[in-house]
Amino acid sequence: MKNLIYILLIAVVFSSCSEFQKALKSEDTATKFKLGTELYEQGKYSKAHRLFAQIVPNYAGKPQAEKLMFMYANSSYMMKDYYISGHQFERFENRYSKSEKVEEASFLSAKSYYHLSPVYSKEQQETKEALEKLQLFINKYPDSKLLPEANKLIKELDYKLEKKAFEIAKQYNKIAYFESSDYEAAIKAFDNFLADYPGTSFREQAMFYRLDSAYRLGINSIESKKQKRLDIALGYFNAFKRYYGESELIEDAEKMNQDMLSALEKYNTKS
């Protein structure tokens, strides 16, 4: 009995493969459309996509074109070919603006760009494009049921940009340990970061590293610039303590503060 079932399964598989190969070689677009739709509905997106790719031009202007174009775009998406799916969903949205599928196509186009967004350490052009596409979707469909997911994706992408900017600023701070002239660049980088991302989850760390950069710049300055730079650094310390007085970093911040006060006291005594 088991052998019989096994033989039947093999027969079905070979029959299916044979049917697919025949359809690929066939000149009958209706056969390709029918089998491609069946394969698509079975979740066999790669095979369906191969058939659809052969017949898309033939169905331009025909009633079946709308369904075909959506399946063609979505099969690319399900195959994780996001460059193609993003473009094809955009084409669908532009051609079939009255379709009941247009909202879904608009969202999946934006989500395709989301999937193309790289890790934060790489160039973030695709991330910015994805944010633009998702915002356009929200603007077009403010009452969409897909809005919560769109907002979730935007939040993830925003975080990635924040982390990228924060790590760049932090890198200036690290480099400055070896080249003290770069502390000014580090302070500016953290100032820009805090201005660009006022609600960032990295705010505490950014304010601390800004203080650290200003402290090291002031302490290591020549006499004529020391007082002014330490005064600025003290301002950063007071801001950090005001917002994060209970921080795990406050002890290190307090040590910097004491060093700066001592340095200023000696400087003022000299004056």
C-alpha atoms as a PDB file:
ATOM      1  CA  MET A   1       0.000   0.000   0.000  1.00  0.00           C
ATOM      2  CA  LYS A   2       2.827   2.387   0.924  1.00  0.00           C
ATOM      3  CA  ASN A   3       4.620   1.573  -2.322  1.00  0.00           C
ATOM      4  CA  LEU A   4       1.457   2.317  -4.278  1.00  0.00           C
ATOM      5  CA  ILE A   5       1.035   5.730  -2.625  1.00  0.00           C
ATOM      6  CA  TYR A   6       4.703   6.500  -3.284  1.00  0.00           C
ATOM      7  CA  ILE A   7       4.337   5.565  -6.960  1.00  0.00           C
ATOM      8  CA  LEU A   8       1.196   7.705  -7.283  1.00  0.00           C
ATOM      9  CA  LEU A   9       2.969  10.686  -5.726  1.00  0.00           C
ATOM     10  CA  ILE A  10       5.877  10.333  -8.141  1.00  0.00           C
ATOM     11  CA  ALA A  11       3.423  10.110 -11.022  1.00  0.00           C
ATOM     12  CA  VAL A  12       1.658  13.283  -9.913  1.00  0.00           C
ATOM     13  CA  VAL A  13       4.962  15.155  -9.561  1.00  0.00           C
ATOM     14  CA  PHE A  14       6.185  14.086 -12.992  1.00  0.00           C
ATOM     15  CA  SER A  15       2.801  14.863 -14.504  1.00  0.00           C
ATOM     16  CA  SER A  16       2.883  18.324 -12.945  1.00  0.00           C
ATOM     17  CA  CYS A  17       6.437  18.951 -14.164  1.00  0.00           C
ATOM     18  CA  SER A  18       5.532  17.713 -17.611  1.00  0.00           C
ATOM     19  CA  GLU A  19       2.469  19.992 -17.718  1.00  0.00           C
ATOM     20  CA  PHE A  20       4.587  22.975 -16.668  1.00  0.00           C
ATOM     21  CA  GLN A  21       7.271  22.271 -19.266  1.00  0.00           C
ATOM     22  CA  LYS A  22       4.647  21.914 -21.984  1.00  0.00           C
ATOM     23  CA  ALA A  23       3.053  25.208 -20.966  1.00  0.00           C
ATOM     24  CA  LEU A  24       6.450  26.959 -21.050  1.00  0.00           C
ATOM     25  CA  LYS A  25       7.034  25.786 -24.615  1.00  0.00           C
ATOM     26  CA  SER A  26       3.453  26.358 -25.728  1.00  0.00           C
ATOM     27  CA  GLU A  27       2.393  29.314 -27.875  1.00  0.00           C
ATOM     28  CA  ASP A  28      -1.044  29.289 -26.227  1.00  0.00           C
ATOM     29  CA  THR A  29      -1.196  32.308 -23.881  1.00  0.00           C
ATOM     30  CA  ALA A  30      -4.503  31.120 -22.366  1.00  0.00           C
ATOM     31  CA  THR A  31      -2.827  27.872 -21.272  1.00  0.00           C
ATOM     32  CA  LYS A  32       0.025  29.778 -19.678  1.00  0.00           C
ATOM     33  CA  PHE A  33      -2.402  32.126 -17.931  1.00  0.00           C
ATOM     34  CA  LYS A  34      -4.541  29.266 -16.580  1.00  0.00           C
ATOM     35  CA  LEU A  35      -1.653  27.120 -15.343  1.00  0.00           C
ATOM     36  CA  GLY A  36       0.239  30.153 -14.020  1.00  0.00           C
ATOM     37  CA  THR A  37      -2.819  31.164 -11.989  1.00  0.00           C
ATOM     38  CA  GLU A  38      -3.159  27.634 -10.594  1.00  0.00           C
ATOM     39  CA  LEU A  39       0.507  27.528  -9.625  1.00  0.00           C
ATOM     40  CA  TYR A  40       0.250  30.998  -8.076  1.00  0.00           C
ATOM     41  CA  GLU A  41      -2.720  29.944  -5.948  1.00  0.00           C
ATOM     42  CA  GLN A  42      -0.759  26.867  -4.841  1.00  0.00           C
ATOM     43  CA  GLY A  43       2.093  29.092  -3.680  1.00  0.00           C
ATOM     44  CA  LYS A  44       4.438  27.961  -6.451  1.00  0.00           C
ATOM     45  CA  TYR A  45       5.460  31.513  -7.230  1.00  0.00           C
ATOM     46  CA  SER A  46       8.679  30.839  -9.117  1.00  0.00           C
ATOM     47  CA  LYS A  47       6.998  28.660 -11.732  1.00  0.00           C
ATOM     48  CA  ALA A  48       3.998  30.976 -11.944  1.00  0.00           C
ATOM     49  CA  HIS A  49       6.303  33.942 -12.454  1.00  0.00           C
ATOM     50  CA  ARG A  50       8.094  32.248 -15.351  1.00  0.00           C
ATOM     51  CA  LEU A  51       4.778  31.718 -17.124  1.00  0.00           C
ATOM     52  CA  PHE A  52       3.498  35.219 -16.365  1.00  0.00           C
ATOM     53  CA  ALA A  53       6.706  36.807 -17.669  1.00  0.00           C
ATOM     54  CA  GLN A  54       6.059  35.187 -21.053  1.00  0.00           C
ATOM     55  CA  ILE A  55       2.523  36.501 -21.457  1.00  0.00           C
ATOM     56  CA  VAL A  56       2.373  39.912 -19.747  1.00  0.00           C
ATOM     57  CA  PRO A  57       2.887  41.830 -23.056  1.00  0.00           C
ATOM     58  CA  ASN A  58       0.136  39.774 -24.756  1.00  0.00           C
ATOM     59  CA  TYR A  59      -2.527  40.784 -22.239  1.00  0.00           C
ATOM     60  CA  ALA A  60      -2.030  44.558 -22.434  1.00  0.00           C
ATOM     61  CA  GLY A  61      -5.455  46.203 -22.639  1.00  0.00           C
ATOM     62  CA  LYS A  62      -7.345  42.955 -22.046  1.00  0.00           C
ATOM     63  CA  PRO A  63      -9.763  42.349 -19.121  1.00  0.00           C
ATOM     64  CA  GLN A  64      -7.425  39.753 -17.565  1.00  0.00           C
ATOM     65  CA  ALA A  65      -4.478  42.168 -17.542  1.00  0.00           C
ATOM     66  CA  GLU A  66      -5.303  43.634 -14.134  1.00  0.00           C
ATOM     67  CA  LYS A  67      -5.329  40.249 -12.399  1.00  0.00           C
ATOM     68  CA  LEU A  68      -2.252  39.112 -14.301  1.00  0.00           C
ATOM     69  CA  MET A  69      -0.229  42.212 -13.461  1.00  0.00           C
ATOM     70  CA  PHE A  70      -1.013  41.923  -9.757  1.00  0.00           C
ATOM     71  CA  MET A  71      -0.075  38.234  -9.661  1.00  0.00           C
ATOM     72  CA  TYR A  72       3.085  38.966 -11.645  1.00  0.00           C
ATOM     73  CA  ALA A  73       4.155  41.675  -9.191  1.00  0.00           C
ATOM     74  CA  ASN A  74       3.191  39.657  -6.125  1.00  0.00           C
ATOM     75  CA  SER A  75       4.959  36.509  -7.310  1.00  0.00           C
ATOM     76  CA  SER A  76       8.150  38.628  -7.546  1.00  0.00           C
ATOM     77  CA  TYR A  77       7.520  39.860  -4.019  1.00  0.00           C
ATOM     78  CA  MET A  78       6.963  36.338  -2.683  1.00  0.00           C
ATOM     79  CA  MET A  79      10.205  35.261  -4.372  1.00  0.00           C
ATOM     80  CA  LYS A  80      11.939  38.133  -2.505  1.00  0.00           C
ATOM     81  CA  ASP A  81      12.882  39.830  -5.754  1.00  0.00           C
ATOM     82  CA  TYR A  82      12.115  43.196  -4.202  1.00  0.00           C
ATOM     83  CA  TYR A  83      13.656  45.398  -6.887  1.00  0.00           C
ATOM     84  CA  ILE A  84      11.292  43.898  -9.442  1.00  0.00           C
ATOM     85  CA  SER A  85       8.240  43.761  -7.173  1.00  0.00           C
ATOM     86  CA  GLY A  86       8.639  47.391  -6.103  1.00  0.00           C
ATOM     87  CA  HIS A  87       8.709  48.507  -9.731  1.00  0.00           C
ATOM     88  CA  GLN A  88       5.879  46.206 -10.851  1.00  0.00           C
ATOM     89  CA  PHE A  89       3.557  47.224  -8.016  1.00  0.00           C
ATOM     90  CA  GLU A  90       4.199  50.870  -8.906  1.00  0.00           C
ATOM     91  CA  ARG A  91       3.238  50.126 -12.500  1.00  0.00           C
ATOM     92  CA  PHE A  92       0.091  48.363 -11.313  1.00  0.00           C
ATOM     93  CA  GLU A  93      -0.872  51.316  -9.124  1.00  0.00           C
ATOM     94  CA  ASN A  94      -0.389  53.754 -11.988  1.00  0.00           C
ATOM     95  CA  ARG A  95      -2.305  51.681 -14.534  1.00  0.00           C
ATOM     96  CA  TYR A  96      -5.159  50.453 -12.353  1.00  0.00           C
ATOM     97  CA  SER A  97      -5.890  53.332 -10.013  1.00  0.00           C
ATOM     98  CA  LYS A  98      -9.534  52.210  -9.684  1.00  0.00           C
ATOM     99  CA  SER A  99      -8.685  48.589  -8.870  1.00  0.00           C
ATOM    100  CA  GLU A 100      -9.762  47.082  -5.547  1.00  0.00           C
ATOM    101  CA  LYS A 101      -6.159  45.885  -5.305  1.00  0.00           C
ATOM    102  CA  VAL A 102      -4.561  49.305  -5.766  1.00  0.00           C
ATOM    103  CA  GLU A 103      -4.200  50.043  -2.030  1.00  0.00           C
ATOM    104  CA  GLU A 104      -2.535  46.691  -1.403  1.00  0.00           C
ATOM    105  CA  ALA A 105      -0.272  47.212  -4.418  1.00  0.00           C
ATOM    106  CA  SER A 106       0.748  50.645  -3.144  1.00  0.00           C
ATOM    107  CA  PHE A 107       1.614  49.213   0.251  1.00  0.00           C
ATOM    108  CA  LEU A 108       3.530  46.235  -1.146  1.00  0.00           C
ATOM    109  CA  SER A 109       5.481  48.540  -3.433  1.00  0.00           C
ATOM    110  CA  ALA A 110       6.562  50.581  -0.397  1.00  0.00           C
ATOM    111  CA  LYS A 111       7.249  47.428   1.588  1.00  0.00           C
ATOM    112  CA  SER A 112       9.456  46.145  -1.232  1.00  0.00           C
ATOM    113  CA  TYR A 113      11.664  49.196  -0.743  1.00  0.00           C
ATOM    114  CA  TYR A 114      11.620  48.524   3.013  1.00  0.00           C
ATOM    115  CA  HIS A 115      13.044  45.053   2.375  1.00  0.00           C
ATOM    116  CA  LEU A 116      15.834  46.594   0.279  1.00  0.00           C
ATOM    117  CA  SER A 117      17.004  48.739   3.196  1.00  0.00           C
ATOM    118  CA  PRO A 118      20.496  47.539   4.252  1.00  0.00           C
ATOM    119  CA  VAL A 119      21.985  47.192   7.731  1.00  0.00           C
ATOM    120  CA  TYR A 120      22.596  50.525   9.445  1.00  0.00           C
ATOM    121  CA  SER A 121      26.372  50.445   8.925  1.00  0.00           C
ATOM    122  CA  LYS A 122      25.991  50.680   5.130  1.00  0.00           C
ATOM    123  CA  GLU A 123      24.911  53.546   2.876  1.00  0.00           C
ATOM    124  CA  GLN A 124      21.248  54.303   3.637  1.00  0.00           C
ATOM    125  CA  GLN A 125      19.885  55.579   0.301  1.00  0.00           C
ATOM    126  CA  GLU A 126      17.418  52.670   0.047  1.00  0.00           C
ATOM    127  CA  THR A 127      16.270  53.339   3.616  1.00  0.00           C
ATOM    128  CA  LYS A 128      15.463  56.947   2.734  1.00  0.00           C
ATOM    129  CA  GLU A 129      13.612  55.846  -0.409  1.00  0.00           C
ATOM    130  CA  ALA A 130      11.594  53.328   1.620  1.00  0.00           C
ATOM    131  CA  LEU A 131      10.624  56.029   4.116  1.00  0.00           C
ATOM    132  CA  GLU A 132       9.446  58.276   1.276  1.00  0.00           C
ATOM    133  CA  LYS A 133       7.372  55.461  -0.267  1.00  0.00           C
ATOM    134  CA  LEU A 134       5.778  54.524   3.042  1.00  0.00           C
ATOM    135  CA  GLN A 135       4.951  58.150   3.811  1.00  0.00           C
ATOM    136  CA  LEU A 136       3.358  58.507   0.373  1.00  0.00           C
ATOM    137  CA  PHE A 137       1.238  55.430   1.109  1.00  0.00           C
ATOM    138  CA  ILE A 138       0.101  56.908   4.440  1.00  0.00           C
ATOM    139  CA  ASN A 139      -0.756  60.199   2.755  1.00  0.00           C
ATOM    140  CA  LYS A 140      -2.787  58.447   0.058  1.00  0.00           C
ATOM    141  CA  TYR A 141      -4.574  56.014   2.370  1.00  0.00           C
ATOM    142  CA  PRO A 142      -4.835  57.621   5.835  1.00  0.00           C
ATOM    143  CA  ASP A 143      -7.697  55.279   6.791  1.00  0.00           C
ATOM    144  CA  SER A 144      -6.064  52.090   5.557  1.00  0.00           C
ATOM    145  CA  LYS A 145      -6.137  48.939   7.669  1.00  0.00           C
ATOM    146  CA  LEU A 146      -2.470  48.606   6.743  1.00  0.00           C
ATOM    147  CA  LEU A 147      -1.605  51.876   8.494  1.00  0.00           C
ATOM    148  CA  PRO A 148      -0.374  50.243  11.763  1.00  0.00           C
ATOM    149  CA  GLU A 149       2.062  48.058   9.821  1.00  0.00           C
ATOM    150  CA  ALA A 150       3.201  51.009   7.695  1.00  0.00           C
ATOM    151  CA  ASN A 151       3.901  53.046  10.841  1.00  0.00           C
ATOM    152  CA  LYS A 152       5.780  50.106  12.358  1.00  0.00           C
ATOM    153  CA  LEU A 153       7.998  49.860   9.272  1.00  0.00           C
ATOM    154  CA  ILE A 154       8.648  53.615   9.348  1.00  0.00           C
ATOM    155  CA  LYS A 155       9.660  53.379  13.005  1.00  0.00           C
ATOM    156  CA  GLU A 156      12.155  50.600  12.189  1.00  0.00           C
ATOM    157  CA  LEU A 157      13.653  52.583   9.314  1.00  0.00           C
ATOM    158  CA  ASP A 158      13.851  55.773  11.373  1.00  0.00           C
ATOM    159  CA  TYR A 159      15.695  53.869  14.089  1.00  0.00           C
ATOM    160  CA  LYS A 160      18.172  52.602  11.514  1.00  0.00           C
ATOM    161  CA  LEU A 161      18.927  56.158  10.349  1.00  0.00           C
ATOM    162  CA  GLU A 162      19.247  57.322  13.962  1.00  0.00           C
ATOM    163  CA  LYS A 163      21.684  54.530  14.770  1.00  0.00           C
ATOM    164  CA  LYS A 164      23.702  55.289  11.644  1.00  0.00           C
ATOM    165  CA  ALA A 165      23.966  58.996  12.567  1.00  0.00           C
ATOM    166  CA  PHE A 166      24.754  58.202  16.200  1.00  0.00           C
ATOM    167  CA  GLU A 167      27.520  55.753  15.311  1.00  0.00           C
ATOM    168  CA  ILE A 168      29.081  58.288  12.937  1.00  0.00           C
ATOM    169  CA  ALA A 169      29.127  60.907  15.693  1.00  0.00           C
ATOM    170  CA  LYS A 170      30.494  58.363  18.149  1.00  0.00           C
ATOM    171  CA  GLN A 171      33.244  57.482  15.692  1.00  0.00           C
ATOM    172  CA  TYR A 172      34.415  61.106  15.730  1.00  0.00           C
ATOM    173  CA  ASN A 173      34.724  60.816  19.511  1.00  0.00           C
ATOM    174  CA  LYS A 174      36.803  57.637  19.229  1.00  0.00           C
ATOM    175  CA  ILE A 175      39.082  59.083  16.563  1.00  0.00           C
ATOM    176  CA  ALA A 176      39.623  62.179  18.696  1.00  0.00           C
ATOM    177  CA  TYR A 177      41.326  60.059  21.376  1.00  0.00           C
ATOM    178  CA  PHE A 178      44.227  59.809  18.938  1.00  0.00           C
ATOM    179  CA  GLU A 179      43.844  63.190  17.229  1.00  0.00           C
ATOM    180  CA  SER A 180      42.629  65.737  19.779  1.00  0.00           C
ATOM    181  CA  SER A 181      41.818  68.259  17.053  1.00  0.00           C
ATOM    182  CA  ASP A 182      38.844  66.066  16.111  1.00  0.00           C
ATOM    183  CA  TYR A 183      37.041  66.725  19.390  1.00  0.00           C
ATOM    184  CA  GLU A 184      35.486  69.832  17.866  1.00  0.00           C
ATOM    185  CA  ALA A 185      34.173  67.727  14.993  1.00  0.00           C
ATOM    186  CA  ALA A 186      32.779  65.237  17.500  1.00  0.00           C
ATOM    187  CA  ILE A 187      30.956  67.972  19.449  1.00  0.00           C
ATOM    188  CA  LYS A 188      29.464  69.337  16.238  1.00  0.00           C
ATOM    189  CA  ALA A 189      28.406  65.859  15.142  1.00  0.00           C
ATOM    190  CA  PHE A 190      26.586  65.230  18.422  1.00  0.00           C
ATOM    191  CA  ASP A 191      24.993  68.690  18.323  1.00  0.00           C
ATOM    192  CA  ASN A 192      23.689  67.958  14.822  1.00  0.00           C
ATOM    193  CA  PHE A 193      22.507  64.511  15.845  1.00  0.00           C
ATOM    194  CA  LEU A 194      20.532  65.835  18.826  1.00  0.00           C
ATOM    195  CA  ALA A 195      18.991  68.565  16.662  1.00  0.00           C
ATOM    196  CA  ASP A 196      18.030  66.146  13.881  1.00  0.00           C
ATOM    197  CA  TYR A 197      16.658  63.439  16.201  1.00  0.00           C
ATOM    198  CA  PRO A 198      15.219  65.201  19.295  1.00  0.00           C
ATOM    199  CA  GLY A 199      13.218  62.155  20.375  1.00  0.00           C
ATOM    200  CA  THR A 200      15.952  59.594  19.770  1.00  0.00           C
ATOM    201  CA  SER A 201      16.509  56.645  22.073  1.00  0.00           C
ATOM    202  CA  PHE A 202      20.240  57.470  21.839  1.00  0.00           C
ATOM    203  CA  ARG A 203      19.773  60.903  23.446  1.00  0.00           C
ATOM    204  CA  GLU A 204      21.345  59.979  26.788  1.00  0.00           C
ATOM    205  CA  GLN A 205      24.434  58.479  25.179  1.00  0.00           C
ATOM    206  CA  ALA A 206      24.733  61.319  22.684  1.00  0.00           C
ATOM    207  CA  MET A 207      24.638  63.940  25.448  1.00  0.00           C
ATOM    208  CA  PHE A 208      27.227  62.009  27.445  1.00  0.00           C
ATOM    209  CA  TYR A 209      29.638  61.602  24.523  1.00  0.00           C
ATOM    210  CA  ARG A 210      29.174  65.267  23.622  1.00  0.00           C
ATOM    211  CA  LEU A 211      30.174  66.125  27.202  1.00  0.00           C
ATOM    212  CA  ASP A 212      33.114  63.728  26.996  1.00  0.00           C
ATOM    213  CA  SER A 213      34.329  65.328  23.750  1.00  0.00           C
ATOM    214  CA  ALA A 214      33.943  68.869  25.131  1.00  0.00           C
ATOM    215  CA  TYR A 215      35.674  67.876  28.391  1.00  0.00           C
ATOM    216  CA  ARG A 216      38.671  66.386  26.595  1.00  0.00           C
ATOM    217  CA  LEU A 217      38.890  69.337  24.235  1.00  0.00           C
ATOM    218  CA  GLY A 218      38.844  71.785  27.147  1.00  0.00           C
ATOM    219  CA  ILE A 219      41.264  69.902  29.404  1.00  0.00           C
ATOM    220  CA  ASN A 220      43.789  69.483  26.572  1.00  0.00           C
ATOM    221  CA  SER A 221      43.487  73.033  25.235  1.00  0.00           C
ATOM    222  CA  ILE A 222      46.213  75.639  25.255  1.00  0.00           C
ATOM    223  CA  GLU A 223      45.943  78.156  28.084  1.00  0.00           C
ATOM    224  CA  SER A 224      44.396  80.928  25.996  1.00  0.00           C
ATOM    225  CA  LYS A 225      41.450  78.734  24.944  1.00  0.00           C
ATOM    226  CA  LYS A 226      41.022  76.580  28.036  1.00  0.00           C
ATOM    227  CA  GLN A 227      38.644  78.726  30.091  1.00  0.00           C
ATOM    228  CA  LYS A 228      36.137  79.292  27.297  1.00  0.00           C
ATOM    229  CA  ARG A 229      36.123  75.651  26.244  1.00  0.00           C
ATOM    230  CA  LEU A 230      35.763  74.367  29.809  1.00  0.00           C
ATOM    231  CA  ASP A 231      32.859  76.739  30.398  1.00  0.00           C
ATOM    232  CA  ILE A 232      31.115  75.270  27.359  1.00  0.00           C
ATOM    233  CA  ALA A 233      31.858  71.742  28.591  1.00  0.00           C
ATOM    234  CA  LEU A 234      30.399  72.607  32.023  1.00  0.00           C
ATOM    235  CA  GLY A 235      27.221  73.667  30.254  1.00  0.00           C
ATOM    236  CA  TYR A 236      27.046  70.243  28.617  1.00  0.00           C
ATOM    237  CA  PHE A 237      27.584  68.617  32.011  1.00  0.00           C
ATOM    238  CA  ASN A 238      24.753  70.619  33.588  1.00  0.00           C
ATOM    239  CA  ALA A 239      22.437  69.677  30.713  1.00  0.00           C
ATOM    240  CA  PHE A 240      23.317  65.994  31.063  1.00  0.00           C
ATOM    241  CA  LYS A 241      22.820  66.028  34.837  1.00  0.00           C
ATOM    242  CA  ARG A 242      19.503  67.866  34.516  1.00  0.00           C
ATOM    243  CA  TYR A 243      18.040  65.240  32.209  1.00  0.00           C
ATOM    244  CA  TYR A 244      19.928  62.133  33.333  1.00  0.00           C
ATOM    245  CA  GLY A 245      20.862  62.638  36.968  1.00  0.00           C
ATOM    246  CA  GLU A 246      20.100  58.973  37.663  1.00  0.00           C
ATOM    247  CA  SER A 247      22.029  57.665  34.683  1.00  0.00           C
ATOM    248  CA  GLU A 248      24.594  54.889  35.001  1.00  0.00           C
ATOM    249  CA  LEU A 249      26.944  57.348  33.317  1.00  0.00           C
ATOM    250  CA  ILE A 250      26.504  60.110  35.890  1.00  0.00           C
ATOM    251  CA  GLU A 251      29.485  58.972  37.972  1.00  0.00           C
ATOM    252  CA  ASP A 252      31.825  59.387  35.001  1.00  0.00           C
ATOM    253  CA  ALA A 253      30.188  62.714  34.207  1.00  0.00           C
ATOM    254  CA  GLU A 254      30.706  63.903  37.793  1.00  0.00           C
ATOM    255  CA  LYS A 255      34.411  63.039  37.605  1.00  0.00           C
ATOM    256  CA  MET A 256      34.730  65.140  34.457  1.00  0.00           C
ATOM    257  CA  ASN A 257      32.926  67.963  36.215  1.00  0.00           C
ATOM    258  CA  GLN A 258      35.334  67.884  39.157  1.00  0.00           C
ATOM    259  CA  ASP A 259      38.345  67.864  36.827  1.00  0.00           C
ATOM    260  CA  MET A 260      36.964  70.861  34.952  1.00  0.00           C
ATOM    261  CA  LEU A 261      36.189  72.819  38.124  1.00  0.00           C
ATOM    262  CA  SER A 262      39.683  72.147  39.411  1.00  0.00           C
ATOM    263  CA  ALA A 263      41.218  73.231  36.115  1.00  0.00           C
ATOM    264  CA  LEU A 264      39.156  76.416  36.085  1.00  0.00           C
ATOM    265  CA  GLU A 265      40.065  77.178  39.703  1.00  0.00           C
ATOM    266  CA  LYS A 266      43.765  76.952  38.908  1.00  0.00           C
ATOM    267  CA  TYR A 267      43.288  78.990  35.776  1.00  0.00           C
ATOM    268  CA  ASN A 268      41.322  81.691  37.599  1.00  0.00           C
ATOM    269  CA  THR A 269      43.971  81.793  40.343  1.00  0.00           C
ATOM    270  CA  LYS A 270      46.583  82.466  37.695  1.00  0.00           C
ATOM    271  CA  SER A 271      44.425  85.238  36.330  1.00  0.00           C
END
